[in-house]
């Protein structure tokens, strides 16, 4: 269950909840408000009202708006990192690995909660703590891809990281572009097109010690 679904399930005002459930409720409400309004326009009053709690309850869990935003970023950055790692581990067929990884990014941006906007389209990227988290998700996804490339090709770590950054950046930018184009191309078809493009490039590097790809 997503944070937003948890919010919908427990929103009625006045209900006493365990601390963890209340925190999840508040995060779900905050995500809705931040995605809809952006960081700067969002107010703690809006978030408390959306969650169906008083402001003092909200402040018991999160001392300020930035703390709340960073908690959401931590949650959703980790979700993408784990999704990419799972995609890479899902098969030993490298072409299918490429497809699974591309699809992980498409699934991430297509999520109904719009969490990707907090990560990749934030209006607070000049805040060092936000920038640190955005850089972390980009770097850790690239590191995961890099591990596979380095192991399979025998390229140096630096060379593998360049290729991995290219693949991750390609997936992220194209997935967002696809979403903003009203998804006129079905997701499966879009993923297949991007996989074909990426595979034509990465397949040019043969498996280490063989002529296979």
N, C-alpha and C. Protein backbone atom coordinates (compact mmCIF):
# COMPACT_ATOMS: atom_id res chain seq x y z
N UNK A 1 0.85 -1.20 0.00
CA UNK A 1 0.00 0.00 0.00
C UNK A 1 0.88 1.24 0.00
N UNK A 2 0.58 2.19 -0.89
CA UNK A 2 1.38 3.41 -0.96
C UNK A 2 1.02 4.34 0.17
N UNK A 3 1.86 5.38 0.34
CA UNK A 3 1.60 6.36 1.39
C UNK A 3 0.26 7.05 1.16
N UNK A 4 -0.07 7.34 -0.09
CA UNK A 4 -1.33 8.01 -0.38
C UNK A 4 -2.51 7.09 -0.08
N UNK A 5 -2.40 5.80 -0.43
CA UNK A 5 -3.47 4.86 -0.11
C UNK A 5 -3.66 4.74 1.39
N UNK A 6 -2.55 4.75 2.13
CA UNK A 6 -2.64 4.71 3.58
C UNK A 6 -3.34 5.96 4.12
N UNK A 7 -3.06 7.09 3.49
CA UNK A 7 -3.71 8.34 3.90
C UNK A 7 -5.22 8.23 3.71
N UNK A 8 -5.64 7.72 2.56
CA UNK A 8 -7.06 7.60 2.29
C UNK A 8 -7.73 6.67 3.30
N UNK A 9 -6.99 5.63 3.72
CA UNK A 9 -7.57 4.64 4.61
C UNK A 9 -7.74 5.15 6.04
N UNK A 10 -6.90 6.11 6.44
CA UNK A 10 -6.91 6.51 7.84
C UNK A 10 -7.17 7.99 8.06
N UNK A 11 -7.70 8.69 7.05
CA UNK A 11 -7.81 10.13 7.12
C UNK A 11 -8.80 10.68 8.15
N UNK A 12 -9.90 9.97 8.54
CA UNK A 12 -10.88 10.61 9.42
C UNK A 12 -10.26 11.27 10.64
N UNK A 13 -10.66 12.52 10.90
CA UNK A 13 -10.08 13.31 11.99
C UNK A 13 -10.47 12.70 13.35
N UNK A 14 -9.52 12.79 14.27
CA UNK A 14 -9.80 12.39 15.63
C UNK A 14 -9.42 10.94 15.94
N UNK A 15 -9.08 10.16 14.95
CA UNK A 15 -8.71 8.77 15.19
C UNK A 15 -7.30 8.69 15.74
N UNK A 16 -7.14 7.96 16.84
CA UNK A 16 -5.81 7.76 17.40
C UNK A 16 -5.13 6.61 16.67
N UNK A 17 -3.91 6.87 16.23
CA UNK A 17 -3.18 5.87 15.45
C UNK A 17 -1.83 5.60 16.08
N UNK A 18 -1.28 4.39 15.88
CA UNK A 18 0.12 4.16 16.27
C UNK A 18 1.02 5.16 15.57
N UNK A 19 2.14 5.47 16.16
CA UNK A 19 3.02 6.51 15.64
C UNK A 19 3.42 6.26 14.19
N UNK A 20 3.77 5.02 13.88
CA UNK A 20 4.21 4.73 12.51
C UNK A 20 3.08 4.93 11.50
N UNK A 21 1.87 4.48 11.88
CA UNK A 21 0.72 4.66 10.98
C UNK A 21 0.41 6.13 10.80
N UNK A 22 0.51 6.92 11.87
CA UNK A 22 0.26 8.35 11.76
C UNK A 22 1.30 9.00 10.86
N UNK A 23 2.56 8.60 11.01
CA UNK A 23 3.63 9.16 10.17
C UNK A 23 3.35 8.86 8.70
N UNK A 24 2.95 7.62 8.41
CA UNK A 24 2.65 7.26 7.02
C UNK A 24 1.46 8.07 6.49
N UNK A 25 0.48 8.28 7.34
CA UNK A 25 -0.67 9.09 6.95
C UNK A 25 -0.23 10.51 6.59
N UNK A 26 0.61 11.09 7.42
CA UNK A 26 1.07 12.46 7.18
C UNK A 26 1.93 12.54 5.92
N UNK A 27 2.75 11.53 5.70
CA UNK A 27 3.57 11.52 4.49
C UNK A 27 2.70 11.42 3.24
N UNK A 28 1.66 10.61 3.31
CA UNK A 28 0.75 10.50 2.17
C UNK A 28 0.05 11.82 1.87
N UNK A 29 -0.41 12.49 2.91
CA UNK A 29 -1.05 13.79 2.72
C UNK A 29 -0.07 14.82 2.18
N UNK A 30 1.15 14.81 2.72
CA UNK A 30 2.16 15.76 2.26
C UNK A 30 2.51 15.52 0.80
N UNK A 31 2.59 14.27 0.40
CA UNK A 31 2.90 13.97 -1.00
C UNK A 31 1.84 14.56 -1.92
N UNK A 32 0.59 14.39 -1.57
CA UNK A 32 -0.48 14.93 -2.39
C UNK A 32 -0.36 16.45 -2.54
N UNK A 33 -0.07 17.12 -1.43
CA UNK A 33 0.01 18.58 -1.45
C UNK A 33 1.26 19.05 -2.19
N UNK A 34 2.40 18.45 -1.93
CA UNK A 34 3.63 18.86 -2.59
C UNK A 34 3.57 18.61 -4.10
N UNK A 35 3.02 17.48 -4.50
CA UNK A 35 2.92 17.18 -5.94
C UNK A 35 1.99 18.17 -6.62
N UNK A 36 0.89 18.50 -5.97
CA UNK A 36 -0.10 19.41 -6.57
C UNK A 36 0.36 20.86 -6.58
N UNK A 37 1.06 21.29 -5.52
CA UNK A 37 1.35 22.72 -5.35
C UNK A 37 2.82 23.07 -5.48
N UNK A 38 3.71 22.09 -5.36
CA UNK A 38 5.13 22.41 -5.28
C UNK A 38 5.51 22.75 -3.85
N UNK A 39 6.81 22.71 -3.57
CA UNK A 39 7.26 22.95 -2.20
C UNK A 39 6.92 24.35 -1.72
N UNK A 40 7.24 25.34 -2.52
CA UNK A 40 7.12 26.72 -2.05
C UNK A 40 5.68 27.14 -1.80
N UNK A 41 4.76 26.66 -2.61
CA UNK A 41 3.35 27.05 -2.45
C UNK A 41 2.64 26.23 -1.38
N UNK A 42 3.17 25.09 -1.05
CA UNK A 42 2.53 24.23 -0.05
C UNK A 42 2.69 24.82 1.34
N UNK A 43 1.69 24.64 2.17
CA UNK A 43 1.73 25.13 3.56
C UNK A 43 1.44 23.98 4.50
N UNK A 44 2.04 24.04 5.68
CA UNK A 44 1.79 23.00 6.68
C UNK A 44 0.30 22.94 7.03
N UNK A 45 -0.39 24.09 6.99
CA UNK A 45 -1.83 24.09 7.23
C UNK A 45 -2.55 23.20 6.21
N UNK A 46 -2.13 23.31 4.93
CA UNK A 46 -2.75 22.51 3.87
C UNK A 46 -2.54 21.01 4.12
N UNK A 47 -1.33 20.68 4.55
CA UNK A 47 -0.99 19.28 4.77
C UNK A 47 -1.76 18.72 5.96
N UNK A 48 -1.83 19.50 7.04
CA UNK A 48 -2.58 19.05 8.21
C UNK A 48 -4.05 18.85 7.86
N UNK A 49 -4.61 19.80 7.12
CA UNK A 49 -6.01 19.68 6.73
C UNK A 49 -6.23 18.46 5.84
N UNK A 50 -5.31 18.26 4.91
CA UNK A 50 -5.43 17.11 4.01
C UNK A 50 -5.36 15.79 4.78
N UNK A 51 -4.54 15.75 5.82
CA UNK A 51 -4.39 14.54 6.63
C UNK A 51 -5.52 14.38 7.64
N UNK A 52 -6.27 15.46 7.88
CA UNK A 52 -7.33 15.40 8.86
C UNK A 52 -6.82 15.45 10.29
N UNK A 53 -5.71 16.20 10.50
CA UNK A 53 -5.15 16.32 11.85
C UNK A 53 -4.94 17.80 12.15
N UNK A 54 -4.64 18.10 13.41
CA UNK A 54 -4.31 19.47 13.79
C UNK A 54 -2.84 19.74 13.46
N UNK A 55 -2.49 21.01 13.33
CA UNK A 55 -1.08 21.35 13.09
C UNK A 55 -0.16 20.86 14.20
N UNK A 56 -0.55 20.94 15.48
CA UNK A 56 0.34 20.41 16.52
C UNK A 56 0.66 18.93 16.34
N UNK A 57 -0.31 18.15 15.86
CA UNK A 57 -0.04 16.73 15.60
C UNK A 57 0.99 16.59 14.48
N UNK A 58 0.84 17.39 13.43
CA UNK A 58 1.79 17.36 12.32
C UNK A 58 3.20 17.72 12.80
N UNK A 59 3.29 18.75 13.63
CA UNK A 59 4.60 19.19 14.12
C UNK A 59 5.21 18.22 15.13
N UNK A 60 4.41 17.38 15.75
CA UNK A 60 4.95 16.36 16.63
C UNK A 60 5.80 15.36 15.85
N UNK A 61 5.45 15.17 14.59
CA UNK A 61 6.15 14.19 13.75
C UNK A 61 7.23 14.82 12.87
N UNK A 62 6.97 16.04 12.43
CA UNK A 62 7.89 16.72 11.53
C UNK A 62 8.05 18.17 11.99
N UNK A 63 9.23 18.56 12.45
CA UNK A 63 9.44 19.91 13.00
C UNK A 63 9.17 21.04 12.01
N UNK A 64 9.29 20.76 10.72
CA UNK A 64 9.08 21.82 9.73
C UNK A 64 8.78 21.23 8.36
N UNK A 65 8.44 22.11 7.43
CA UNK A 65 8.07 21.68 6.08
C UNK A 65 9.23 20.99 5.37
N UNK A 66 10.44 21.50 5.56
CA UNK A 66 11.59 20.88 4.90
C UNK A 66 11.83 19.47 5.42
N UNK A 67 11.67 19.26 6.72
CA UNK A 67 11.84 17.92 7.29
C UNK A 67 10.85 16.94 6.65
N UNK A 68 9.65 17.39 6.45
CA UNK A 68 8.61 16.56 5.84
C UNK A 68 8.96 16.24 4.39
N UNK A 69 9.42 17.25 3.68
CA UNK A 69 9.78 17.07 2.27
C UNK A 69 10.95 16.10 2.14
N UNK A 70 11.95 16.24 3.00
CA UNK A 70 13.12 15.37 2.94
C UNK A 70 12.76 13.93 3.28
N UNK A 71 11.83 13.75 4.21
CA UNK A 71 11.39 12.39 4.55
C UNK A 71 10.73 11.73 3.34
N UNK A 72 9.95 12.50 2.60
CA UNK A 72 9.33 11.97 1.38
C UNK A 72 10.39 11.64 0.33
N UNK A 73 11.36 12.54 0.17
CA UNK A 73 12.43 12.28 -0.79
C UNK A 73 13.18 11.01 -0.45
N UNK A 74 13.51 10.83 0.82
CA UNK A 74 14.22 9.62 1.23
C UNK A 74 13.42 8.38 0.84
N UNK A 75 12.14 8.42 1.10
CA UNK A 75 11.27 7.28 0.81
C UNK A 75 11.22 6.97 -0.69
N UNK A 76 11.05 8.00 -1.50
CA UNK A 76 10.83 7.77 -2.92
C UNK A 76 12.12 7.61 -3.71
N UNK A 77 13.20 8.18 -3.23
CA UNK A 77 14.50 7.90 -3.85
C UNK A 77 14.88 6.44 -3.64
N UNK A 78 14.68 5.96 -2.43
CA UNK A 78 15.00 4.56 -2.12
C UNK A 78 14.13 3.62 -2.94
N UNK A 79 12.89 3.99 -3.19
CA UNK A 79 11.99 3.15 -3.98
C UNK A 79 12.53 2.95 -5.39
N UNK A 80 13.02 4.02 -6.02
CA UNK A 80 13.56 3.89 -7.37
C UNK A 80 14.85 3.08 -7.36
N UNK A 81 15.72 3.33 -6.40
CA UNK A 81 16.97 2.57 -6.32
C UNK A 81 16.69 1.08 -6.21
N UNK A 82 15.77 0.71 -5.33
CA UNK A 82 15.44 -0.70 -5.15
C UNK A 82 14.79 -1.29 -6.40
N UNK A 83 13.98 -0.49 -7.09
CA UNK A 83 13.34 -0.96 -8.31
C UNK A 83 14.36 -1.25 -9.40
N UNK A 84 15.35 -0.38 -9.54
CA UNK A 84 16.40 -0.60 -10.54
C UNK A 84 17.23 -1.82 -10.17
N UNK A 85 17.59 -1.97 -8.91
CA UNK A 85 18.36 -3.13 -8.48
C UNK A 85 17.59 -4.42 -8.73
N UNK A 86 16.29 -4.40 -8.45
CA UNK A 86 15.47 -5.58 -8.68
C UNK A 86 15.39 -5.92 -10.17
N UNK A 87 15.28 -4.90 -11.01
CA UNK A 87 15.24 -5.11 -12.45
C UNK A 87 16.52 -5.77 -12.94
N UNK A 88 17.65 -5.29 -12.46
CA UNK A 88 18.94 -5.84 -12.88
C UNK A 88 19.12 -7.28 -12.41
N UNK A 89 18.55 -7.60 -11.26
CA UNK A 89 18.70 -8.94 -10.70
C UNK A 89 17.65 -9.92 -11.21
N UNK A 90 16.69 -9.42 -11.99
CA UNK A 90 15.55 -10.25 -12.37
C UNK A 90 15.88 -11.28 -13.45
N UNK A 91 17.00 -11.14 -14.14
CA UNK A 91 17.37 -12.05 -15.22
C UNK A 91 18.86 -11.97 -15.47
N UNK A 92 19.40 -13.01 -16.08
CA UNK A 92 20.81 -12.99 -16.49
C UNK A 92 20.94 -12.70 -17.98
N UNK A 93 19.82 -12.54 -18.66
CA UNK A 93 19.80 -12.17 -20.08
C UNK A 93 19.97 -10.65 -20.17
N UNK A 94 21.08 -10.21 -20.73
CA UNK A 94 21.38 -8.78 -20.70
C UNK A 94 20.39 -7.91 -21.47
N UNK A 95 19.87 -8.41 -22.56
CA UNK A 95 18.87 -7.61 -23.28
C UNK A 95 17.62 -7.44 -22.42
N UNK A 96 17.22 -8.52 -21.75
CA UNK A 96 16.07 -8.42 -20.87
C UNK A 96 16.36 -7.54 -19.66
N UNK A 97 17.63 -7.55 -19.23
CA UNK A 97 18.02 -6.64 -18.14
C UNK A 97 17.81 -5.19 -18.55
N UNK A 98 18.22 -4.88 -19.77
CA UNK A 98 18.04 -3.51 -20.27
C UNK A 98 16.56 -3.16 -20.29
N UNK A 99 15.75 -4.08 -20.80
CA UNK A 99 14.31 -3.81 -20.86
C UNK A 99 13.72 -3.63 -19.46
N UNK A 100 14.08 -4.51 -18.55
CA UNK A 100 13.55 -4.43 -17.18
C UNK A 100 13.95 -3.12 -16.52
N UNK A 101 15.17 -2.67 -16.78
CA UNK A 101 15.64 -1.42 -16.18
C UNK A 101 14.91 -0.23 -16.78
N UNK A 102 14.74 -0.22 -18.10
CA UNK A 102 13.97 0.85 -18.73
C UNK A 102 12.55 0.89 -18.17
N UNK A 103 11.96 -0.29 -18.03
CA UNK A 103 10.58 -0.36 -17.55
C UNK A 103 10.47 0.10 -16.10
N UNK A 104 11.52 -0.11 -15.31
CA UNK A 104 11.50 0.35 -13.91
C UNK A 104 11.33 1.86 -13.85
N UNK A 105 11.99 2.58 -14.74
CA UNK A 105 11.86 4.04 -14.76
C UNK A 105 10.47 4.45 -15.24
N UNK A 106 9.94 3.75 -16.25
CA UNK A 106 8.60 4.08 -16.73
C UNK A 106 7.56 3.82 -15.64
N UNK A 107 7.70 2.71 -14.93
CA UNK A 107 6.76 2.40 -13.85
C UNK A 107 6.84 3.47 -12.76
N UNK A 108 8.03 3.93 -12.49
CA UNK A 108 8.24 4.94 -11.45
C UNK A 108 7.54 6.24 -11.78
N UNK A 109 7.69 6.71 -13.01
CA UNK A 109 7.06 8.00 -13.36
C UNK A 109 5.56 7.86 -13.57
N UNK A 110 5.10 6.63 -13.86
CA UNK A 110 3.67 6.43 -14.12
C UNK A 110 2.86 6.25 -12.84
N UNK A 111 3.53 6.07 -11.71
CA UNK A 111 2.83 5.87 -10.46
C UNK A 111 1.84 7.01 -10.21
N UNK A 112 0.63 6.66 -9.82
CA UNK A 112 -0.44 7.65 -9.69
C UNK A 112 -0.14 8.75 -8.67
N UNK A 113 0.71 8.45 -7.70
CA UNK A 113 1.00 9.45 -6.69
C UNK A 113 1.87 10.60 -7.16
N UNK A 114 2.51 10.44 -8.32
CA UNK A 114 3.35 11.52 -8.86
C UNK A 114 4.61 11.78 -8.07
N UNK A 115 5.09 10.78 -7.31
CA UNK A 115 6.27 10.99 -6.45
C UNK A 115 7.51 11.38 -7.24
N UNK A 116 7.60 10.93 -8.49
CA UNK A 116 8.78 11.24 -9.29
C UNK A 116 8.98 12.75 -9.43
N UNK A 117 7.88 13.51 -9.35
CA UNK A 117 7.99 14.97 -9.49
C UNK A 117 8.79 15.57 -8.33
N UNK A 118 8.66 14.96 -7.16
CA UNK A 118 9.43 15.44 -6.02
C UNK A 118 10.92 15.19 -6.21
N UNK A 119 11.24 14.11 -6.90
CA UNK A 119 12.64 13.72 -7.09
C UNK A 119 13.26 14.41 -8.29
N UNK A 120 12.59 14.38 -9.43
CA UNK A 120 13.18 14.85 -10.68
C UNK A 120 12.68 16.21 -11.17
N UNK A 121 11.60 16.71 -10.56
CA UNK A 121 11.06 18.00 -11.01
C UNK A 121 10.79 18.92 -9.83
N UNK A 122 11.60 18.80 -8.80
CA UNK A 122 11.42 19.60 -7.59
C UNK A 122 11.69 21.08 -7.85
N UNK A 123 10.94 21.93 -7.14
CA UNK A 123 11.20 23.37 -7.20
C UNK A 123 12.12 23.79 -6.05
N UNK A 124 12.82 22.82 -5.46
CA UNK A 124 13.68 23.10 -4.32
C UNK A 124 15.09 22.54 -4.52
N UNK A 125 15.50 22.39 -5.76
CA UNK A 125 16.81 21.78 -6.01
C UNK A 125 17.98 22.68 -5.61
N UNK A 126 17.70 23.94 -5.29
CA UNK A 126 18.78 24.81 -4.79
C UNK A 126 19.06 24.57 -3.31
N UNK A 127 18.23 23.77 -2.66
CA UNK A 127 18.44 23.41 -1.25
C UNK A 127 19.45 22.26 -1.21
N UNK A 128 20.59 22.43 -0.53
CA UNK A 128 21.64 21.40 -0.52
C UNK A 128 21.15 20.02 -0.12
N UNK A 129 20.28 19.93 0.87
CA UNK A 129 19.82 18.62 1.34
C UNK A 129 18.97 17.93 0.28
N UNK A 130 18.23 18.71 -0.50
CA UNK A 130 17.43 18.15 -1.58
C UNK A 130 18.34 17.71 -2.72
N UNK A 131 19.28 18.58 -3.07
CA UNK A 131 20.22 18.26 -4.14
C UNK A 131 21.01 16.99 -3.82
N UNK A 132 21.38 16.85 -2.56
CA UNK A 132 22.13 15.66 -2.14
C UNK A 132 21.33 14.39 -2.39
N UNK A 133 20.04 14.42 -2.09
CA UNK A 133 19.21 13.24 -2.28
C UNK A 133 18.94 12.94 -3.75
N UNK A 134 18.74 13.98 -4.55
CA UNK A 134 18.54 13.78 -5.98
C UNK A 134 19.81 13.21 -6.61
N UNK A 135 20.96 13.74 -6.21
CA UNK A 135 22.23 13.20 -6.71
C UNK A 135 22.43 11.76 -6.27
N UNK A 136 22.00 11.46 -5.04
CA UNK A 136 22.16 10.11 -4.52
C UNK A 136 21.39 9.10 -5.36
N UNK A 137 20.12 9.39 -5.66
CA UNK A 137 19.34 8.42 -6.42
C UNK A 137 19.91 8.24 -7.82
N UNK A 138 20.37 9.32 -8.43
CA UNK A 138 20.99 9.22 -9.76
C UNK A 138 22.25 8.38 -9.70
N UNK A 139 23.09 8.66 -8.72
CA UNK A 139 24.37 7.97 -8.60
C UNK A 139 24.21 6.50 -8.22
N UNK A 140 23.30 6.21 -7.29
CA UNK A 140 23.15 4.82 -6.85
C UNK A 140 22.52 3.95 -7.93
N UNK A 141 21.60 4.50 -8.70
CA UNK A 141 21.06 3.75 -9.84
C UNK A 141 22.15 3.49 -10.86
N UNK A 142 22.96 4.51 -11.13
CA UNK A 142 24.07 4.34 -12.07
C UNK A 142 25.08 3.32 -11.55
N UNK A 143 25.36 3.34 -10.26
CA UNK A 143 26.30 2.39 -9.66
C UNK A 143 25.80 0.95 -9.84
N UNK A 144 24.51 0.75 -9.65
CA UNK A 144 23.94 -0.59 -9.81
C UNK A 144 24.09 -1.08 -11.25
N UNK A 145 23.83 -0.19 -12.21
CA UNK A 145 23.99 -0.55 -13.62
C UNK A 145 25.47 -0.76 -13.94
N UNK A 146 26.29 0.08 -13.38
CA UNK A 146 27.74 0.01 -13.59
C UNK A 146 28.30 -1.34 -13.15
N UNK A 147 27.82 -1.86 -12.03
CA UNK A 147 28.30 -3.15 -11.52
C UNK A 147 28.14 -4.24 -12.58
N UNK A 148 26.97 -4.24 -13.23
CA UNK A 148 26.69 -5.26 -14.24
C UNK A 148 27.58 -5.06 -15.46
N UNK A 149 27.70 -3.81 -15.91
CA UNK A 149 28.51 -3.54 -17.10
C UNK A 149 29.97 -3.90 -16.86
N UNK A 150 30.51 -3.50 -15.73
CA UNK A 150 31.92 -3.77 -15.43
C UNK A 150 32.19 -5.27 -15.35
N UNK A 151 31.29 -6.00 -14.71
CA UNK A 151 31.47 -7.44 -14.58
C UNK A 151 31.40 -8.15 -15.92
N UNK A 152 30.47 -7.70 -16.76
CA UNK A 152 30.23 -8.41 -18.03
C UNK A 152 31.21 -8.03 -19.13
N UNK A 153 31.69 -6.81 -19.12
CA UNK A 153 32.52 -6.34 -20.24
C UNK A 153 34.01 -6.30 -19.93
N UNK A 154 34.36 -6.21 -18.65
CA UNK A 154 35.77 -6.04 -18.31
C UNK A 154 36.26 -4.62 -18.49
N UNK A 155 35.36 -3.69 -18.78
CA UNK A 155 35.75 -2.29 -18.87
C UNK A 155 36.12 -1.78 -17.48
N UNK A 156 36.90 -0.71 -17.43
CA UNK A 156 37.27 -0.13 -16.15
C UNK A 156 36.03 0.41 -15.44
N UNK A 157 36.16 0.64 -14.15
CA UNK A 157 35.05 1.18 -13.38
C UNK A 157 34.62 2.54 -13.93
N UNK A 158 35.58 3.37 -14.26
CA UNK A 158 35.25 4.71 -14.76
C UNK A 158 34.51 4.62 -16.10
N UNK A 159 34.98 3.73 -16.98
CA UNK A 159 34.32 3.57 -18.28
C UNK A 159 32.91 3.01 -18.11
N UNK A 160 32.79 2.03 -17.23
CA UNK A 160 31.48 1.42 -16.99
C UNK A 160 30.50 2.43 -16.40
N UNK A 161 31.02 3.30 -15.53
CA UNK A 161 30.15 4.29 -14.90
C UNK A 161 29.64 5.30 -15.91
N UNK A 162 30.45 5.66 -16.87
CA UNK A 162 30.00 6.57 -17.92
C UNK A 162 28.85 5.95 -18.71
N UNK A 163 29.01 4.69 -19.08
CA UNK A 163 27.95 4.01 -19.82
C UNK A 163 26.69 3.87 -18.96
N UNK A 164 26.89 3.53 -17.70
CA UNK A 164 25.75 3.36 -16.80
C UNK A 164 25.00 4.67 -16.60
N UNK A 165 25.73 5.76 -16.45
CA UNK A 165 25.10 7.07 -16.30
C UNK A 165 24.29 7.43 -17.54
N UNK A 166 24.83 7.05 -18.70
CA UNK A 166 24.12 7.30 -19.94
C UNK A 166 22.83 6.52 -20.03
N UNK A 167 22.87 5.25 -19.64
CA UNK A 167 21.66 4.42 -19.69
C UNK A 167 20.62 4.91 -18.69
N UNK A 168 21.06 5.22 -17.47
CA UNK A 168 20.12 5.69 -16.46
C UNK A 168 19.51 7.03 -16.83
N UNK A 169 20.35 7.93 -17.34
CA UNK A 169 19.85 9.24 -17.75
C UNK A 169 18.88 9.13 -18.91
N UNK A 170 19.21 8.26 -19.86
CA UNK A 170 18.32 8.03 -20.99
C UNK A 170 16.95 7.55 -20.52
N UNK A 171 16.96 6.57 -19.62
CA UNK A 171 15.70 6.01 -19.14
C UNK A 171 14.87 7.06 -18.41
N UNK A 172 15.52 7.82 -17.56
CA UNK A 172 14.79 8.80 -16.75
C UNK A 172 14.19 9.91 -17.60
N UNK A 173 15.00 10.47 -18.50
CA UNK A 173 14.54 11.59 -19.32
C UNK A 173 13.44 11.15 -20.28
N UNK A 174 13.63 10.00 -20.92
CA UNK A 174 12.62 9.54 -21.89
C UNK A 174 11.32 9.14 -21.19
N UNK A 175 11.43 8.51 -20.03
CA UNK A 175 10.21 8.14 -19.30
C UNK A 175 9.40 9.38 -18.93
N UNK A 176 10.07 10.41 -18.46
CA UNK A 176 9.36 11.65 -18.12
C UNK A 176 8.78 12.31 -19.37
N UNK A 177 9.53 12.30 -20.46
CA UNK A 177 9.03 12.88 -21.70
C UNK A 177 7.80 12.12 -22.18
N UNK A 178 7.84 10.81 -22.07
CA UNK A 178 6.69 9.98 -22.45
C UNK A 178 5.46 10.33 -21.62
N UNK A 179 5.65 10.49 -20.32
CA UNK A 179 4.53 10.80 -19.44
C UNK A 179 3.92 12.16 -19.78
N UNK A 180 4.77 13.14 -20.04
CA UNK A 180 4.29 14.50 -20.32
C UNK A 180 3.69 14.63 -21.72
N UNK A 181 3.91 13.62 -22.56
CA UNK A 181 3.31 13.64 -23.90
C UNK A 181 1.95 12.93 -23.89
N UNK A 182 1.38 12.78 -22.71
CA UNK A 182 0.06 12.18 -22.53
C UNK A 182 0.02 10.70 -22.89
N UNK A 183 1.20 10.06 -22.87
CA UNK A 183 1.30 8.62 -23.08
C UNK A 183 0.60 8.17 -24.36
N UNK A 184 0.80 8.94 -25.43
CA UNK A 184 0.17 8.61 -26.70
C UNK A 184 0.72 7.30 -27.27
N UNK A 185 1.95 6.95 -26.90
CA UNK A 185 2.52 5.65 -27.24
C UNK A 185 2.31 4.73 -26.03
N UNK A 186 1.70 3.57 -26.20
CA UNK A 186 1.50 2.67 -25.05
C UNK A 186 2.81 2.37 -24.34
N UNK A 187 2.72 2.18 -23.03
CA UNK A 187 3.95 2.00 -22.24
C UNK A 187 4.81 0.85 -22.74
N UNK A 188 4.22 -0.31 -23.00
CA UNK A 188 5.01 -1.45 -23.47
C UNK A 188 5.76 -1.12 -24.75
N UNK A 189 5.08 -0.41 -25.65
CA UNK A 189 5.71 -0.04 -26.91
C UNK A 189 6.82 0.97 -26.69
N UNK A 190 6.58 1.92 -25.79
CA UNK A 190 7.60 2.93 -25.49
C UNK A 190 8.83 2.28 -24.87
N UNK A 191 8.61 1.35 -23.95
CA UNK A 191 9.74 0.65 -23.33
C UNK A 191 10.50 -0.16 -24.36
N UNK A 192 9.78 -0.80 -25.28
CA UNK A 192 10.45 -1.60 -26.30
C UNK A 192 11.28 -0.71 -27.23
N UNK A 193 10.76 0.44 -27.61
CA UNK A 193 11.51 1.36 -28.46
C UNK A 193 12.80 1.82 -27.77
N UNK A 194 12.67 2.18 -26.50
CA UNK A 194 13.84 2.64 -25.77
C UNK A 194 14.83 1.51 -25.54
N UNK A 195 14.32 0.31 -25.28
CA UNK A 195 15.20 -0.85 -25.12
C UNK A 195 15.99 -1.11 -26.39
N UNK A 196 15.32 -1.03 -27.53
CA UNK A 196 16.01 -1.25 -28.81
C UNK A 196 17.12 -0.23 -29.01
N UNK A 197 16.84 1.02 -28.68
CA UNK A 197 17.85 2.07 -28.82
C UNK A 197 19.04 1.80 -27.89
N UNK A 198 18.74 1.53 -26.63
CA UNK A 198 19.81 1.31 -25.65
C UNK A 198 20.59 0.04 -25.95
N UNK A 199 19.90 -1.01 -26.34
CA UNK A 199 20.57 -2.30 -26.60
C UNK A 199 21.51 -2.21 -27.80
N UNK A 200 21.11 -1.47 -28.82
CA UNK A 200 21.99 -1.31 -29.99
C UNK A 200 23.32 -0.69 -29.60
N UNK A 201 23.30 0.15 -28.56
CA UNK A 201 24.54 0.75 -28.10
C UNK A 201 25.33 -0.14 -27.18
N UNK A 202 24.70 -0.63 -26.11
CA UNK A 202 25.44 -1.39 -25.11
C UNK A 202 25.86 -2.75 -25.63
N UNK A 203 25.13 -3.30 -26.59
CA UNK A 203 25.49 -4.61 -27.14
C UNK A 203 26.78 -4.55 -27.96
N UNK A 204 27.25 -3.35 -28.24
CA UNK A 204 28.52 -3.21 -28.95
C UNK A 204 29.72 -3.57 -28.10
N UNK A 205 29.49 -3.77 -26.81
CA UNK A 205 30.57 -4.14 -25.90
C UNK A 205 30.42 -5.62 -25.55
N UNK A 206 31.25 -6.49 -26.11
CA UNK A 206 31.08 -7.93 -25.90
C UNK A 206 31.36 -8.35 -24.46
N UNK A 207 30.76 -9.50 -24.11
CA UNK A 207 31.03 -10.05 -22.78
C UNK A 207 32.52 -10.31 -22.61
N UNK A 208 32.99 -10.06 -21.43
CA UNK A 208 34.42 -10.19 -21.13
C UNK A 208 34.93 -11.57 -21.47
N UNK A 209 35.93 -11.64 -22.34
CA UNK A 209 36.58 -12.90 -22.69
C UNK A 209 35.85 -13.71 -23.71
N UNK A 210 34.76 -13.16 -24.32
CA UNK A 210 34.01 -13.88 -25.33
C UNK A 210 33.66 -12.91 -26.46
N UNK A 211 33.01 -13.46 -27.47
CA UNK A 211 32.48 -12.62 -28.55
C UNK A 211 30.98 -12.42 -28.40
N UNK A 212 30.42 -12.91 -27.27
CA UNK A 212 29.00 -12.79 -27.04
C UNK A 212 28.67 -11.47 -26.38
N UNK A 213 27.35 -11.13 -26.41
CA UNK A 213 26.89 -9.86 -25.83
C UNK A 213 25.91 -10.12 -24.70
